[in-house]
Amino acid sequence: MWRLHDKKDAEEMKTVLLTMKGNVPSLTDIEVGINISKHNAAYDIVFMGSFKNADALAEFETDEFHKSIGKFVNKVRESRVVVEYEY
């Protein structure tokens, strides 16, 4: 999840994040949501990715396409939080 410097960047960020579908082999499913809450603790945008296993998640972290997305994200984000879990 990210807080953005400017909430107006949320739609573009969603579009950019969704380009990983089909371009990052280790990513089996992706969801991106833009916050609708007015709560002051809310973040602006969330990325939920699914991976076959922990090895696939590790591959995702080093994937060149994913890294290129990170360059854009780092420009527009104020802060981020991460949760990684198995189900």
C-alpha atoms as a PDB file:
ATOM      1  CA  MET A   1       0.000   0.000   0.000  1.00  0.00           C
ATOM      2  CA  TRP A   2       1.177   3.478  -0.737  1.00  0.00           C
ATOM      3  CA  ARG A   3       0.423   7.029   0.227  1.00  0.00           C
ATOM      4  CA  LEU A   4       0.994   9.324  -2.705  1.00  0.00           C
ATOM      5  CA  HIS A   5       2.389  12.838  -2.753  1.00  0.00           C
ATOM      6  CA  ASP A   6      -0.584  13.783  -4.940  1.00  0.00           C
ATOM      7  CA  LYS A   7      -3.755  11.675  -4.916  1.00  0.00           C
ATOM      8  CA  LYS A   8      -4.304  12.691  -8.545  1.00  0.00           C
ATOM      9  CA  ASP A   9      -1.552  10.192  -9.468  1.00  0.00           C
ATOM     10  CA  ALA A  10      -3.606   7.214  -8.221  1.00  0.00           C
ATOM     11  CA  GLU A  11      -5.261   6.368 -11.572  1.00  0.00           C
ATOM     12  CA  GLU A  12      -1.971   6.529 -13.465  1.00  0.00           C
ATOM     13  CA  MET A  13      -0.271   4.426 -10.813  1.00  0.00           C
ATOM     14  CA  LYS A  14      -3.044   1.833 -11.032  1.00  0.00           C
ATOM     15  CA  THR A  15      -2.609   1.653 -14.799  1.00  0.00           C
ATOM     16  CA  VAL A  16       1.169   1.322 -14.473  1.00  0.00           C
ATOM     17  CA  LEU A  17       0.931  -1.401 -11.809  1.00  0.00           C
ATOM     18  CA  LEU A  18      -1.536  -3.400 -13.896  1.00  0.00           C
ATOM     19  CA  THR A  19       0.969  -3.547 -16.775  1.00  0.00           C
ATOM     20  CA  MET A  20       2.814  -6.177 -14.747  1.00  0.00           C
ATOM     21  CA  LYS A  21       0.055  -8.676 -15.600  1.00  0.00           C
ATOM     22  CA  GLY A  22       1.499 -10.873 -18.327  1.00  0.00           C
ATOM     23  CA  ASN A  23       4.875  -9.113 -18.192  1.00  0.00           C
ATOM     24  CA  VAL A  24       6.151 -10.518 -14.892  1.00  0.00           C
ATOM     25  CA  PRO A  25       6.127 -14.329 -15.159  1.00  0.00           C
ATOM     26  CA  SER A  26       6.221 -15.013 -11.408  1.00  0.00           C
ATOM     27  CA  LEU A  27       3.077 -12.929 -10.806  1.00  0.00           C
ATOM     28  CA  THR A  28       0.071 -15.253 -11.176  1.00  0.00           C
ATOM     29  CA  ASP A  29      -2.651 -12.738 -10.286  1.00  0.00           C
ATOM     30  CA  ILE A  30      -2.857  -9.022  -9.592  1.00  0.00           C
ATOM     31  CA  GLU A  31      -5.377  -6.620  -8.106  1.00  0.00           C
ATOM     32  CA  VAL A  32      -4.940  -2.881  -7.674  1.00  0.00           C
ATOM     33  CA  GLY A  33      -7.388  -0.748  -5.724  1.00  0.00           C
ATOM     34  CA  ILE A  34      -7.724   2.977  -5.143  1.00  0.00           C
ATOM     35  CA  ASN A  35      -8.839   4.062  -1.685  1.00  0.00           C
ATOM     36  CA  ILE A  36     -12.369   5.395  -1.265  1.00  0.00           C
ATOM     37  CA  SER A  37     -12.160   5.924   2.516  1.00  0.00           C
ATOM     38  CA  LYS A  38     -12.007   9.379   4.078  1.00  0.00           C
ATOM     39  CA  HIS A  39     -10.235   7.956   7.162  1.00  0.00           C
ATOM     40  CA  ASN A  40      -7.019   9.843   7.921  1.00  0.00           C
ATOM     41  CA  ALA A  41      -5.113   6.574   8.477  1.00  0.00           C
ATOM     42  CA  ALA A  42      -6.026   5.277   5.006  1.00  0.00           C
ATOM     43  CA  TYR A  43      -3.479   4.728   2.264  1.00  0.00           C
ATOM     44  CA  ASP A  44      -4.194   5.844  -1.310  1.00  0.00           C
ATOM     45  CA  ILE A  45      -3.601   2.701  -3.352  1.00  0.00           C
ATOM     46  CA  VAL A  46      -3.086  -1.010  -2.746  1.00  0.00           C
ATOM     47  CA  PHE A  47      -1.402  -3.719  -4.828  1.00  0.00           C
ATOM     48  CA  MET A  48      -2.269  -7.354  -4.182  1.00  0.00           C
ATOM     49  CA  GLY A  49      -0.215  -9.900  -6.055  1.00  0.00           C
ATOM     50  CA  SER A  50      -0.394 -13.678  -5.969  1.00  0.00           C
ATOM     51  CA  PHE A  51       2.589 -15.956  -6.418  1.00  0.00           C
ATOM     52  CA  LYS A  52       2.892 -19.734  -6.653  1.00  0.00           C
ATOM     53  CA  ASN A  53       5.314 -19.870  -3.723  1.00  0.00           C
ATOM     54  CA  ALA A  54       8.020 -17.972  -1.835  1.00  0.00           C
ATOM     55  CA  ASP A  55      10.537 -18.609  -4.629  1.00  0.00           C
ATOM     56  CA  ALA A  56       8.203 -16.931  -7.129  1.00  0.00           C
ATOM     57  CA  LEU A  57       7.891 -13.951  -4.781  1.00  0.00           C
ATOM     58  CA  ALA A  58      11.693 -13.744  -4.630  1.00  0.00           C
ATOM     59  CA  GLU A  59      11.814 -13.810  -8.462  1.00  0.00           C
ATOM     60  CA  PHE A  60       9.268 -10.978  -8.536  1.00  0.00           C
ATOM     61  CA  GLU A  61      11.527  -8.813  -6.382  1.00  0.00           C
ATOM     62  CA  THR A  62      14.382  -9.072  -8.907  1.00  0.00           C
ATOM     63  CA  ASP A  63      12.325  -9.016 -12.115  1.00  0.00           C
ATOM     64  CA  GLU A  64      13.489  -6.246 -14.481  1.00  0.00           C
ATOM     65  CA  PHE A  65       9.959  -5.272 -15.543  1.00  0.00           C
ATOM     66  CA  HIS A  66       8.927  -5.011 -11.895  1.00  0.00           C
ATOM     67  CA  LYS A  67      11.988  -2.884 -11.161  1.00  0.00           C
ATOM     68  CA  SER A  68      11.063  -0.523 -14.004  1.00  0.00           C
ATOM     69  CA  ILE A  69       7.611  -0.063 -12.442  1.00  0.00           C
ATOM     70  CA  GLY A  70       9.322   0.707  -9.144  1.00  0.00           C
ATOM     71  CA  LYS A  71      11.070   3.692 -10.686  1.00  0.00           C
ATOM     72  CA  PHE A  72       7.708   5.332 -11.406  1.00  0.00           C
ATOM     73  CA  VAL A  73       6.225   4.333  -8.053  1.00  0.00           C
ATOM     74  CA  ASN A  74       9.157   5.779  -6.128  1.00  0.00           C
ATOM     75  CA  LYS A  75       8.626   9.150  -7.822  1.00  0.00           C
ATOM     76  CA  VAL A  76       4.964   9.473  -6.837  1.00  0.00           C
ATOM     77  CA  ARG A  77       4.853   7.743  -3.447  1.00  0.00           C
ATOM     78  CA  GLU A  78       5.132   9.429  -0.107  1.00  0.00           C
ATOM     79  CA  SER A  79       5.312   6.204   1.905  1.00  0.00           C
ATOM     80  CA  ARG A  80       4.515   2.512   1.691  1.00  0.00           C
ATOM     81  CA  VAL A  81       3.733  -0.488   3.847  1.00  0.00           C
ATOM     82  CA  VAL A  82       4.132  -4.122   2.871  1.00  0.00           C
ATOM     83  CA  VAL A  83       2.507  -7.355   4.046  1.00  0.00           C
ATOM     84  CA  GLU A  84       3.610 -10.683   2.588  1.00  0.00           C
ATOM     85  CA  TYR A  85       1.808 -13.831   3.694  1.00  0.00           C
ATOM     86  CA  GLU A  86       1.126 -17.411   2.648  1.00  0.00           C
ATOM     87  CA  TYR A  87      -2.367 -18.836   2.300  1.00  0.00           C
END
